[in-house]
Amino acid sequence: MQVKAVARNVAVSPRKVRLLLDHLPGRRVDEVLARLRFLPSPHARMVAKTVQSAAANAENNYQMDPRFLKVVAAYAGDAQRLKRWRARARGRASHRVRRHAHITVVVEEMEG
């Protein structure tokens, strides 16, 4: 059975967080958390929080053993964008877009 956790409207560009998420599938949850802990990226903390949430969902809702969980899928999608205007020279304006992401992590119990 697959269990997932979603972190919604995280203030990070989906493109940046996908660089972290590409290396997670196929690894055990404790290994993933150890790797994320020592990454220099500031967004690794948000990803680790989502992985921990997925493991907690599996343990509390489906009585799975967290030691035998592995990450099956991890992906980030676009969330709502924050659009603002910035004053420019000669009375003009340019727009600034602050992107946000939905981070999804899916875990499953390993066999054996």
PDB file of N, CA and C in Angstrom:
ATOM      1  N   MET A   1       0.843  -1.173   0.000  1.00  0.00           N
ATOM      2  CA  MET A   1       0.000   0.000   0.000  1.00  0.00           C
ATOM      3  C   MET A   1       0.892   1.241   0.000  1.00  0.00           C
ATOM      4  N   GLN A   2       0.507   2.203  -0.795  1.00  0.00           N
ATOM      5  CA  GLN A   2       1.268   3.447  -0.878  1.00  0.00           C
ATOM      6  C   GLN A   2       0.598   4.529  -0.040  1.00  0.00           C
ATOM      7  N   VAL A   3       1.435   5.272   0.682  1.00  0.00           N
ATOM      8  CA  VAL A   3       0.961   6.348   1.542  1.00  0.00           C
ATOM      9  C   VAL A   3       1.681   7.619   1.128  1.00  0.00           C
ATOM     10  N   LYS A   4       0.952   8.735   1.088  1.00  0.00           N
ATOM     11  CA  LYS A   4       1.601   9.966   0.645  1.00  0.00           C
ATOM     12  C   LYS A   4       1.386  11.108   1.620  1.00  0.00           C
ATOM     13  N   ALA A   5       2.242  12.102   1.460  1.00  0.00           N
ATOM     14  CA  ALA A   5       2.126  13.344   2.215  1.00  0.00           C
ATOM     15  C   ALA A   5       2.388  14.483   1.240  1.00  0.00           C
ATOM     16  N   VAL A   6       1.652  15.566   1.401  1.00  0.00           N
ATOM     17  CA  VAL A   6       1.774  16.716   0.508  1.00  0.00           C
ATOM     18  C   VAL A   6       2.015  17.969   1.341  1.00  0.00           C
ATOM     19  N   ALA A   7       3.073  18.688   0.985  1.00  0.00           N
ATOM     20  CA  ALA A   7       3.325  20.005   1.578  1.00  0.00           C
ATOM     21  C   ALA A   7       2.860  21.027   0.554  1.00  0.00           C
ATOM     22  N   ARG A   8       1.866  21.806   0.916  1.00  0.00           N
ATOM     23  CA  ARG A   8       1.257  22.710  -0.049  1.00  0.00           C
ATOM     24  C   ARG A   8       1.764  24.134   0.126  1.00  0.00           C
ATOM     25  N   ASN A   9       1.857  24.829  -1.008  1.00  0.00           N
ATOM     26  CA  ASN A   9       2.226  26.252  -1.045  1.00  0.00           C
ATOM     27  C   ASN A   9       3.540  26.548  -0.321  1.00  0.00           C
ATOM     28  N   VAL A  10       4.538  25.736  -0.579  1.00  0.00           N
ATOM     29  CA  VAL A  10       5.859  25.947  -0.004  1.00  0.00           C
ATOM     30  C   VAL A  10       6.548  27.050  -0.813  1.00  0.00           C
ATOM     31  N   ALA A  11       7.164  27.992  -0.117  1.00  0.00           N
ATOM     32  CA  ALA A  11       7.746  29.164  -0.772  1.00  0.00           C
ATOM     33  C   ALA A  11       9.098  28.846  -1.402  1.00  0.00           C
ATOM     34  N   VAL A  12       9.069  27.997  -2.409  1.00  0.00           N
ATOM     35  CA  VAL A  12      10.274  27.655  -3.170  1.00  0.00           C
ATOM     36  C   VAL A  12       9.829  27.337  -4.593  1.00  0.00           C
ATOM     37  N   SER A  13      10.653  27.673  -5.546  1.00  0.00           N
ATOM     38  CA  SER A  13      10.346  27.384  -6.933  1.00  0.00           C
ATOM     39  C   SER A  13      10.339  25.870  -7.157  1.00  0.00           C
ATOM     40  N   PRO A  14       9.359  25.347  -7.885  1.00  0.00           N
ATOM     41  CA  PRO A  14       9.314  23.906  -8.125  1.00  0.00           C
ATOM     42  C   PRO A  14      10.568  23.393  -8.827  1.00  0.00           C
ATOM     43  N   ARG A  15      11.126  24.215  -9.678  1.00  0.00           N
ATOM     44  CA  ARG A  15      12.324  23.814 -10.415  1.00  0.00           C
ATOM     45  C   ARG A  15      13.507  23.570  -9.471  1.00  0.00           C
ATOM     46  N   LYS A  16      13.620  24.390  -8.436  1.00  0.00           N
ATOM     47  CA  LYS A  16      14.723  24.245  -7.492  1.00  0.00           C
ATOM     48  C   LYS A  16      14.547  23.029  -6.595  1.00  0.00           C
ATOM     49  N   VAL A  17      13.322  22.774  -6.171  1.00  0.00           N
ATOM     50  CA  VAL A  17      13.104  21.657  -5.255  1.00  0.00           C
ATOM     51  C   VAL A  17      13.152  20.321  -6.006  1.00  0.00           C
ATOM     52  N   ARG A  18      12.884  20.328  -7.313  1.00  0.00           N
ATOM     53  CA  ARG A  18      12.976  19.086  -8.087  1.00  0.00           C
ATOM     54  C   ARG A  18      14.403  18.559  -8.129  1.00  0.00           C
ATOM     55  N   LEU A  19      15.390  19.442  -8.016  1.00  0.00           N
ATOM     56  CA  LEU A  19      16.782  19.005  -7.982  1.00  0.00           C
ATOM     57  C   LEU A  19      17.043  18.093  -6.784  1.00  0.00           C
ATOM     58  N   LEU A  20      16.365  18.339  -5.676  1.00  0.00           N
ATOM     59  CA  LEU A  20      16.496  17.489  -4.493  1.00  0.00           C
ATOM     60  C   LEU A  20      15.658  16.212  -4.620  1.00  0.00           C
ATOM     61  N   LEU A  21      14.463  16.352  -5.178  1.00  0.00           N
ATOM     62  CA  LEU A  21      13.518  15.246  -5.213  1.00  0.00           C
ATOM     63  C   LEU A  21      13.905  14.159  -6.205  1.00  0.00           C
ATOM     64  N   ASP A  22      14.703  14.494  -7.207  1.00  0.00           N
ATOM     65  CA  ASP A  22      15.064  13.511  -8.235  1.00  0.00           C
ATOM     66  C   ASP A  22      15.881  12.353  -7.678  1.00  0.00           C
ATOM     67  N   HIS A  23      16.568  12.548  -6.553  1.00  0.00           N
ATOM     68  CA  HIS A  23      17.444  11.522  -6.013  1.00  0.00           C
ATOM     69  C   HIS A  23      16.786  10.655  -4.937  1.00  0.00           C
ATOM     70  N   LEU A  24      15.533  10.915  -4.597  1.00  0.00           N
ATOM     71  CA  LEU A  24      14.908  10.212  -3.478  1.00  0.00           C
ATOM     72  C   LEU A  24      14.264   8.866  -3.808  1.00  0.00           C
ATOM     73  N   PRO A  25      13.555   8.707  -4.927  1.00  0.00           N
ATOM     74  CA  PRO A  25      12.834   7.444  -5.151  1.00  0.00           C
ATOM     75  C   PRO A  25      13.755   6.225  -5.165  1.00  0.00           C
ATOM     76  N   GLY A  26      13.256   5.148  -4.522  1.00  0.00           N
ATOM     77  CA  GLY A  26      14.000   3.904  -4.473  1.00  0.00           C
ATOM     78  C   GLY A  26      14.842   3.748  -3.223  1.00  0.00           C
ATOM     79  N   ARG A  27      14.943   4.773  -2.398  1.00  0.00           N
ATOM     80  CA  ARG A  27      15.769   4.716  -1.191  1.00  0.00           C
ATOM     81  C   ARG A  27      14.887   4.555   0.047  1.00  0.00           C
ATOM     82  N   ARG A  28      15.483   4.008   1.111  1.00  0.00           N
ATOM     83  CA  ARG A  28      14.759   3.867   2.365  1.00  0.00           C
ATOM     84  C   ARG A  28      14.570   5.238   3.005  1.00  0.00           C
ATOM     85  N   VAL A  29      13.539   5.375   3.825  1.00  0.00           N
ATOM     86  CA  VAL A  29      13.191   6.660   4.428  1.00  0.00           C
ATOM     87  C   VAL A  29      14.305   7.166   5.340  1.00  0.00           C
ATOM     88  N   ASP A  30      14.884   6.276   6.156  1.00  0.00           N
ATOM     89  CA  ASP A  30      15.944   6.741   7.050  1.00  0.00           C
ATOM     90  C   ASP A  30      17.184   7.188   6.280  1.00  0.00           C
ATOM     91  N   GLU A  31      17.473   6.534   5.164  1.00  0.00           N
ATOM     92  CA  GLU A  31      18.600   6.947   4.319  1.00  0.00           C
ATOM     93  C   GLU A  31      18.325   8.303   3.671  1.00  0.00           C
ATOM     94  N   VAL A  32      17.098   8.503   3.225  1.00  0.00           N
ATOM     95  CA  VAL A  32      16.712   9.775   2.605  1.00  0.00           C
ATOM     96  C   VAL A  32      16.852  10.918   3.606  1.00  0.00           C
ATOM     97  N   LEU A  33      16.378  10.704   4.830  1.00  0.00           N
ATOM     98  CA  LEU A  33      16.464  11.744   5.855  1.00  0.00           C
ATOM     99  C   LEU A  33      17.916  12.057   6.211  1.00  0.00           C
ATOM    100  N   ALA A  34      18.767  11.043   6.235  1.00  0.00           N
ATOM    101  CA  ALA A  34      20.186  11.269   6.519  1.00  0.00           C
ATOM    102  C   ALA A  34      20.838  12.083   5.405  1.00  0.00           C
ATOM    103  N   ARG A  35      20.489  11.787   4.156  1.00  0.00           N
ATOM    104  CA  ARG A  35      21.051  12.540   3.030  1.00  0.00           C
ATOM    105  C   ARG A  35      20.574  13.992   3.043  1.00  0.00           C
ATOM    106  N   LEU A  36      19.294  14.192   3.288  1.00  0.00           N
ATOM    107  CA  LEU A  36      18.745  15.551   3.277  1.00  0.00           C
ATOM    108  C   LEU A  36      19.311  16.402   4.409  1.00  0.00           C
ATOM    109  N   ARG A  37      19.653  15.757   5.504  1.00  0.00           N
ATOM    110  CA  ARG A  37      20.155  16.504   6.656  1.00  0.00           C
ATOM    111  C   ARG A  37      21.475  17.209   6.358  1.00  0.00           C
ATOM    112  N   PHE A  38      22.282  16.622   5.504  1.00  0.00           N
ATOM    113  CA  PHE A  38      23.604  17.173   5.236  1.00  0.00           C
ATOM    114  C   PHE A  38      23.725  17.868   3.885  1.00  0.00           C
ATOM    115  N   LEU A  39      22.624  18.088   3.208  1.00  0.00           N
ATOM    116  CA  LEU A  39      22.670  18.827   1.945  1.00  0.00           C
ATOM    117  C   LEU A  39      22.787  20.323   2.227  1.00  0.00           C
ATOM    118  N   PRO A  40      23.522  21.047   1.397  1.00  0.00           N
ATOM    119  CA  PRO A  40      23.693  22.484   1.631  1.00  0.00           C
ATOM    120  C   PRO A  40      22.473  23.323   1.258  1.00  0.00           C
ATOM    121  N   SER A  41      21.519  22.741   0.569  1.00  0.00           N
ATOM    122  CA  SER A  41      20.347  23.495   0.123  1.00  0.00           C
ATOM    123  C   SER A  41      19.434  23.844   1.304  1.00  0.00           C
ATOM    124  N   PRO A  42      18.959  25.080   1.369  1.00  0.00           N
ATOM    125  CA  PRO A  42      18.029  25.441   2.452  1.00  0.00           C
ATOM    126  C   PRO A  42      16.654  24.794   2.296  1.00  0.00           C
ATOM    127  N   HIS A  43      16.359  24.282   1.113  1.00  0.00           N
ATOM    128  CA  HIS A  43      15.044  23.680   0.868  1.00  0.00           C
ATOM    129  C   HIS A  43      15.003  22.221   1.302  1.00  0.00           C
ATOM    130  N   ALA A  44      16.140  21.657   1.655  1.00  0.00           N
ATOM    131  CA  ALA A  44      16.189  20.257   2.074  1.00  0.00           C
ATOM    132  C   ALA A  44      15.387  20.037   3.350  1.00  0.00           C
ATOM    133  N   ARG A  45      15.300  21.051   4.197  1.00  0.00           N
ATOM    134  CA  ARG A  45      14.532  20.933   5.449  1.00  0.00           C
ATOM    135  C   ARG A  45      13.039  20.736   5.156  1.00  0.00           C
ATOM    136  N   MET A  46      12.519  21.452   4.164  1.00  0.00           N
ATOM    137  CA  MET A  46      11.098  21.308   3.810  1.00  0.00           C
ATOM    138  C   MET A  46      10.817  19.925   3.223  1.00  0.00           C
ATOM    139  N   VAL A  47      11.740  19.439   2.405  1.00  0.00           N
ATOM    140  CA  VAL A  47      11.576  18.113   1.816  1.00  0.00           C
ATOM    141  C   VAL A  47      11.648  17.049   2.907  1.00  0.00           C
ATOM    142  N   ALA A  48      12.580  17.196   3.842  1.00  0.00           N
ATOM    143  CA  ALA A  48      12.713  16.236   4.939  1.00  0.00           C
ATOM    144  C   ALA A  48      11.451  16.214   5.798  1.00  0.00           C
ATOM    145  N   LYS A  49      10.870  17.367   6.012  1.00  0.00           N
ATOM    146  CA  LYS A  49       9.637  17.457   6.791  1.00  0.00           C
ATOM    147  C   LYS A  49       8.498  16.691   6.114  1.00  0.00           C
ATOM    148  N   THR A  50       8.440  16.775   4.799  1.00  0.00           N
ATOM    149  CA  THR A  50       7.410  16.070   4.044  1.00  0.00           C
ATOM    150  C   THR A  50       7.650  14.562   4.077  1.00  0.00           C
ATOM    151  N   VAL A  51       8.900  14.137   3.980  1.00  0.00           N
ATOM    152  CA  VAL A  51       9.225  12.703   4.059  1.00  0.00           C
ATOM    153  C   VAL A  51       8.853  12.164   5.442  1.00  0.00           C
ATOM    154  N   GLN A  52       9.162  12.910   6.488  1.00  0.00           N
ATOM    155  CA  GLN A  52       8.798  12.491   7.840  1.00  0.00           C
ATOM    156  C   GLN A  52       7.283  12.402   7.999  1.00  0.00           C
ATOM    157  N   SER A  53       6.574  13.321   7.383  1.00  0.00           N
ATOM    158  CA  SER A  53       5.116  13.310   7.461  1.00  0.00           C
ATOM    159  C   SER A  53       4.540  12.076   6.765  1.00  0.00           C
ATOM    160  N   ALA A  54       5.102  11.713   5.621  1.00  0.00           N
ATOM    161  CA  ALA A  54       4.635  10.519   4.909  1.00  0.00           C
ATOM    162  C   ALA A  54       4.899   9.263   5.737  1.00  0.00           C
ATOM    163  N   ALA A  55       6.065   9.202   6.381  1.00  0.00           N
ATOM    164  CA  ALA A  55       6.383   8.053   7.231  1.00  0.00           C
ATOM    165  C   ALA A  55       5.447   7.996   8.438  1.00  0.00           C
ATOM    166  N   ALA A  56       5.145   9.147   9.017  1.00  0.00           N
ATOM    167  CA  ALA A  56       4.229   9.190  10.157  1.00  0.00           C
ATOM    168  C   ALA A  56       2.816   8.795   9.744  1.00  0.00           C
ATOM    169  N   ASN A  57       2.393   9.217   8.549  1.00  0.00           N
ATOM    170  CA  ASN A  57       1.069   8.813   8.047  1.00  0.00           C
ATOM    171  C   ASN A  57       0.998   7.296   7.899  1.00  0.00           C
ATOM    172  N   ALA A  58       2.055   6.698   7.366  1.00  0.00           N
ATOM    173  CA  ALA A  58       2.068   5.243   7.172  1.00  0.00           C
ATOM    174  C   ALA A  58       2.041   4.517   8.517  1.00  0.00           C
ATOM    175  N   GLU A  59       2.771   5.040   9.483  1.00  0.00           N
ATOM    176  CA  GLU A  59       2.833   4.382  10.789  1.00  0.00           C
ATOM    177  C   GLU A  59       1.516   4.517  11.557  1.00  0.00           C
ATOM    178  N   ASN A  60       0.963   5.719  11.586  1.00  0.00           N
ATOM    179  CA  ASN A  60      -0.228   5.956  12.411  1.00  0.00           C
ATOM    180  C   ASN A  60      -1.528   5.510  11.757  1.00  0.00           C
ATOM    181  N   ASN A  61      -1.644   5.668  10.450  1.00  0.00           N
ATOM    182  CA  ASN A  61      -2.914   5.360   9.789  1.00  0.00           C
ATOM    183  C   ASN A  61      -2.993   3.924   9.284  1.00  0.00           C
ATOM    184  N   TYR A  62      -1.838   3.315   8.959  1.00  0.00           N
ATOM    185  CA  TYR A  62      -1.858   1.981   8.350  1.00  0.00           C
ATOM    186  C   TYR A  62      -0.986   0.972   9.091  1.00  0.00           C
ATOM    187  N   GLN A  63      -0.502   1.317  10.280  1.00  0.00           N
ATOM    188  CA  GLN A  63       0.289   0.441  11.148  1.00  0.00           C
ATOM    189  C   GLN A  63       1.480  -0.187  10.407  1.00  0.00           C
ATOM    190  N   MET A  64       2.142   0.580   9.573  1.00  0.00           N
ATOM    191  CA  MET A  64       3.354   0.110   8.893  1.00  0.00           C
ATOM    192  C   MET A  64       4.562   0.427   9.765  1.00  0.00           C
ATOM    193  N   ASP A  65       5.583  -0.395   9.648  1.00  0.00           N
ATOM    194  CA  ASP A  65       6.809  -0.186  10.419  1.00  0.00           C
ATOM    195  C   ASP A  65       7.673   0.846   9.697  1.00  0.00           C
ATOM    196  N   PRO A  66       8.001   1.970  10.346  1.00  0.00           N
ATOM    197  CA  PRO A  66       8.763   3.021   9.664  1.00  0.00           C
ATOM    198  C   PRO A  66      10.176   2.601   9.261  1.00  0.00           C
ATOM    199  N   ARG A  67      10.707   1.534   9.870  1.00  0.00           N
ATOM    200  CA  ARG A  67      12.051   1.067   9.504  1.00  0.00           C
ATOM    201  C   ARG A  67      12.077   0.414   8.132  1.00  0.00           C
ATOM    202  N   PHE A  68      10.918  -0.059   7.660  1.00  0.00           N
ATOM    203  CA  PHE A  68      10.857  -0.785   6.392  1.00  0.00           C
ATOM    204  C   PHE A  68      10.161   0.012   5.288  1.00  0.00           C
ATOM    205  N   LEU A  69      10.149   1.320   5.413  1.00  0.00           N
ATOM    206  CA  LEU A  69       9.515   2.158   4.391  1.00  0.00           C
ATOM    207  C   LEU A  69      10.545   2.647   3.398  1.00  0.00           C
ATOM    208  N   LYS A  70      10.139   2.719   2.130  1.00  0.00           N
ATOM    209  CA  LYS A  70      10.997   3.300   1.104  1.00  0.00           C
ATOM    210  C   LYS A  70      10.199   4.332   0.319  1.00  0.00           C
ATOM    211  N   VAL A  71      10.898   5.296  -0.237  1.00  0.00           N
ATOM    212  CA  VAL A  71      10.262   6.342  -1.031  1.00  0.00           C
ATOM    213  C   VAL A  71      10.024   5.794  -2.431  1.00  0.00           C
ATOM    214  N   VAL A  72       8.774   5.805  -2.868  1.00  0.00           N
ATOM    215  CA  VAL A  72       8.418   5.303  -4.190  1.00  0.00           C
ATOM    216  C   VAL A  72       8.436   6.435  -5.212  1.00  0.00           C
ATOM    217  N   ALA A  73       7.920   7.587  -4.815  1.00  0.00           N
ATOM    218  CA  ALA A  73       7.856   8.732  -5.729  1.00  0.00           C
ATOM    219  C   ALA A  73       7.985  10.016  -4.926  1.00  0.00           C
ATOM    220  N   ALA A  74       8.589  11.006  -5.564  1.00  0.00           N
ATOM    221  CA  ALA A  74       8.710  12.332  -4.960  1.00  0.00           C
ATOM    222  C   ALA A  74       8.702  13.338  -6.092  1.00  0.00           C
ATOM    223  N   TYR A  75       7.768  14.267  -6.045  1.00  0.00           N
ATOM    224  CA  TYR A  75       7.669  15.240  -7.128  1.00  0.00           C
ATOM    225  C   TYR A  75       7.146  16.569  -6.598  1.00  0.00           C
ATOM    226  N   ALA A  76       7.364  17.607  -7.390  1.00  0.00           N
ATOM    227  CA  ALA A  76       6.907  18.951  -7.031  1.00  0.00           C
ATOM    228  C   ALA A  76       6.127  19.533  -8.201  1.00  0.00           C
ATOM    229  N   GLY A  77       5.014  20.154  -7.880  1.00  0.00           N
ATOM    230  CA  GLY A  77       4.197  20.793  -8.901  1.00  0.00           C
ATOM    231  C   GLY A  77       4.031  22.268  -8.602  1.00  0.00           C
ATOM    232  N   ASP A  78       3.521  22.982  -9.585  1.00  0.00           N
ATOM    233  CA  ASP A  78       3.291  24.414  -9.413  1.00  0.00           C
ATOM    234  C   ASP A  78       2.162  24.664  -8.421  1.00  0.00           C
ATOM    235  N   ALA A  79       2.340  25.693  -7.627  1.00  0.00           N
ATOM    236  CA  ALA A  79       1.287  26.173  -6.740  1.00  0.00           C
ATOM    237  C   ALA A  79       0.932  27.594  -7.195  1.00  0.00           C
ATOM    238  N   GLN A  80       0.140  28.265  -6.402  1.00  0.00           N
ATOM    239  CA  GLN A  80      -0.264  29.614  -6.769  1.00  0.00           C
ATOM    240  C   GLN A  80       0.941  30.547  -6.772  1.00  0.00           C
ATOM    241  N   ARG A  81       0.988  31.435  -7.743  1.00  0.00           N
ATOM    242  CA  ARG A  81       2.100  32.369  -7.859  1.00  0.00           C
ATOM    243  C   ARG A  81       1.735  33.702  -7.231  1.00  0.00           C
ATOM    244  N   LEU A  82       2.705  34.310  -6.593  1.00  0.00           N
ATOM    245  CA  LEU A  82       2.517  35.615  -5.980  1.00  0.00           C
ATOM    246  C   LEU A  82       3.010  36.656  -6.972  1.00  0.00           C
ATOM    247  N   LYS A  83       2.127  37.506  -7.452  1.00  0.00           N
ATOM    248  CA  LYS A  83       2.491  38.473  -8.484  1.00  0.00           C
ATOM    249  C   LYS A  83       2.527  39.877  -7.892  1.00  0.00           C
ATOM    250  N   ARG A  84       3.635  40.544  -8.096  1.00  0.00           N
ATOM    251  CA  ARG A  84       3.827  41.894  -7.581  1.00  0.00           C
ATOM    252  C   ARG A  84       4.425  42.772  -8.671  1.00  0.00           C
ATOM    253  N   TRP A  85       4.327  44.064  -8.477  1.00  0.00           N
ATOM    254  CA  TRP A  85       4.891  45.026  -9.433  1.00  0.00           C
ATOM    255  C   TRP A  85       6.037  45.768  -8.786  1.00  0.00           C
ATOM    256  N   ARG A  86       7.047  46.087  -9.587  1.00  0.00           N
ATOM    257  CA  ARG A  86       8.209  46.829  -9.113  1.00  0.00           C
ATOM    258  C   ARG A  86       8.341  48.091  -9.940  1.00  0.00           C
ATOM    259  N   ALA A  87       8.515  49.208  -9.262  1.00  0.00           N
ATOM    260  CA  ALA A  87       8.659  50.484  -9.962  1.00  0.00           C
ATOM    261  C   ALA A  87       9.987  50.515 -10.713  1.00  0.00           C
ATOM    262  N   ARG A  88       9.952  51.011 -11.948  1.00  0.00           N
ATOM    263  CA  ARG A  88      11.148  51.104 -12.776  1.00  0.00           C
ATOM    264  C   ARG A  88      11.344  52.550 -13.210  1.00  0.00           C
ATOM    265  N   ALA A  89      12.326  52.760 -14.007  1.00  0.00           N
ATOM    266  CA  ALA A  89      12.671  54.115 -14.434  1.00  0.00           C
ATOM    267  C   ALA A  89      11.592  54.711 -15.346  1.00  0.00           C
ATOM    268  N   ARG A  90      11.482  56.015 -15.326  1.00  0.00           N
ATOM    269  CA  ARG A  90      10.598  56.791 -16.211  1.00  0.00           C
ATOM    270  C   ARG A  90       9.131  56.401 -16.067  1.00  0.00           C
ATOM    271  N   GLY A  91       8.711  56.115 -14.834  1.00  0.00           N
ATOM    272  CA  GLY A  91       7.296  55.864 -14.559  1.00  0.00           C
ATOM    273  C   GLY A  91       6.782  54.520 -15.007  1.00  0.00           C
ATOM    274  N   ARG A  92       7.656  53.622 -15.344  1.00  0.00           N
ATOM    275  CA  ARG A  92       7.216  52.303 -15.808  1.00  0.00           C
ATOM    276  C   ARG A  92       7.200  51.304 -14.652  1.00  0.00           C
ATOM    277  N   ALA A  93       6.710  50.120 -14.947  1.00  0.00           N
ATOM    278  CA  ALA A  93       6.678  49.066 -13.935  1.00  0.00           C
ATOM    279  C   ALA A  93       7.010  47.743 -14.605  1.00  0.00           C
ATOM    280  N   SER A  94       7.618  46.852 -13.848  1.00  0.00           N
ATOM    281  CA  SER A  94       7.847  45.491 -14.332  1.00  0.00           C
ATOM    282  C   SER A  94       7.301  44.535 -13.288  1.00  0.00           C
ATOM    283  N   HIS A  95       6.866  43.386 -13.752  1.00  0.00           N
ATOM    284  CA  HIS A  95       6.258  42.458 -12.802  1.00  0.00           C
ATOM    285  C   HIS A  95       7.296  41.492 -12.245  1.00  0.00           C
ATOM    286  N   ARG A  96       7.058  41.064 -11.000  1.00  0.00           N
ATOM    287  CA  ARG A  96       7.879  40.068 -10.321  1.00  0.00           C
ATOM    288  C   ARG A  96       6.961  38.925  -9.942  1.00  0.00           C
ATOM    289  N   VAL A  97       7.401  37.737 -10.214  1.00  0.00           N
ATOM    290  CA  VAL A  97       6.600  36.568  -9.899  1.00  0.00           C
ATOM    291  C   VAL A  97       7.350  35.720  -8.886  1.00  0.00           C
ATOM    292  N   ARG A  98       6.729  35.477  -7.744  1.00  0.00           N
ATOM    293  CA  ARG A  98       7.327  34.606  -6.736  1.00  0.00           C
ATOM    294  C   ARG A  98       6.605  33.270  -6.807  1.00  0.00           C
ATOM    295  N   ARG A  99       7.321  32.241  -7.197  1.00  0.00           N
ATOM    296  CA  ARG A  99       6.708  30.937  -7.407  1.00  0.00           C
ATOM    297  C   ARG A  99       6.662  30.129  -6.107  1.00  0.00           C
ATOM    298  N   HIS A 100       5.662  29.279  -6.019  1.00  0.00           N
ATOM    299  CA  HIS A 100       5.496  28.380  -4.884  1.00  0.00           C
ATOM    300  C   HIS A 100       5.288  26.969  -5.418  1.00  0.00           C
ATOM    301  N   ALA A 101       5.438  25.971  -4.548  1.00  0.00           N
ATOM    302  CA  ALA A 101       5.355  24.584  -4.991  1.00  0.00           C
ATOM    303  C   ALA A 101       4.514  23.747  -4.040  1.00  0.00           C
ATOM    304  N   HIS A 102       3.949  22.668  -4.593  1.00  0.00           N
ATOM    305  CA  HIS A 102       3.337  21.604  -3.803  1.00  0.00           C
ATOM    306  C   HIS A 102       4.314  20.431  -3.862  1.00  0.00           C
ATOM    307  N   ILE A 103       4.827  19.994  -2.715  1.00  0.00           N
ATOM    308  CA  ILE A 103       5.784  18.889  -2.664  1.00  0.00           C
ATOM    309  C   ILE A 103       5.039  17.632  -2.234  1.00  0.00           C
ATOM    310  N   THR A 104       5.128  16.562  -3.035  1.00  0.00           N
ATOM    311  CA  THR A 104       4.449  15.308  -2.748  1.00  0.00           C
ATOM    312  C   THR A 104       5.479  14.196  -2.608  1.00  0.00           C
ATOM    313  N   VAL A 105       5.365  13.423  -1.521  1.00  0.00           N
ATOM    314  CA  VAL A 105       6.238  12.271  -1.285  1.00  0.00           C
ATOM    315  C   VAL A 105       5.357  11.050  -1.047  1.00  0.00           C
ATOM    316  N   VAL A 106       5.645   9.947  -1.768  1.00  0.00           N
ATOM    317  CA  VAL A 106       4.883   8.706  -1.645  1.00  0.00           C
ATOM    318  C   VAL A 106       5.824   7.629  -1.108  1.00  0.00           C
ATOM    319  N   VAL A 107       5.402   6.970  -0.024  1.00  0.00           N
ATOM    320  CA  VAL A 107       6.198   5.887   0.561  1.00  0.00           C
ATOM    321  C   VAL A 107       5.417   4.579   0.513  1.00  0.00           C
ATOM    322  N   GLU A 108       6.179   3.493   0.591  1.00  0.00           N
ATOM    323  CA  GLU A 108       5.585   2.155   0.538  1.00  0.00           C
ATOM    324  C   GLU A 108       6.425   1.229   1.410  1.00  0.00           C
ATOM    325  N   GLU A 109       5.782   0.210   1.970  1.00  0.00           N
ATOM    326  CA  GLU A 109       6.495  -0.737   2.813  1.00  0.00           C
ATOM    327  C   GLU A 109       7.275  -1.717   1.942  1.00  0.00           C
ATOM    328  N   MET A 110       8.550  -1.922   2.297  1.00  0.00           N
ATOM    329  CA  MET A 110       9.388  -2.873   1.547  1.00  0.00           C
ATOM    330  C   MET A 110       8.984  -4.283   1.894  1.00  0.00           C
ATOM    331  N   GLU A 111       9.183  -5.157   0.945  1.00  0.00           N
ATOM    332  CA  GLU A 111       8.845  -6.579   1.171  1.00  0.00           C
ATOM    333  C   GLU A 111      10.073  -7.321   1.645  1.00  0.00           C
ATOM    334  N   GLY A 112       9.887  -8.225   2.549  1.00  0.00           N
ATOM    335  CA  GLY A 112      11.000  -9.042   3.001  1.00  0.00           C
ATOM    336  C   GLY A 112      11.386  -8.654   4.325  1.00  0.00           C
TER     337      GLY A 112
END
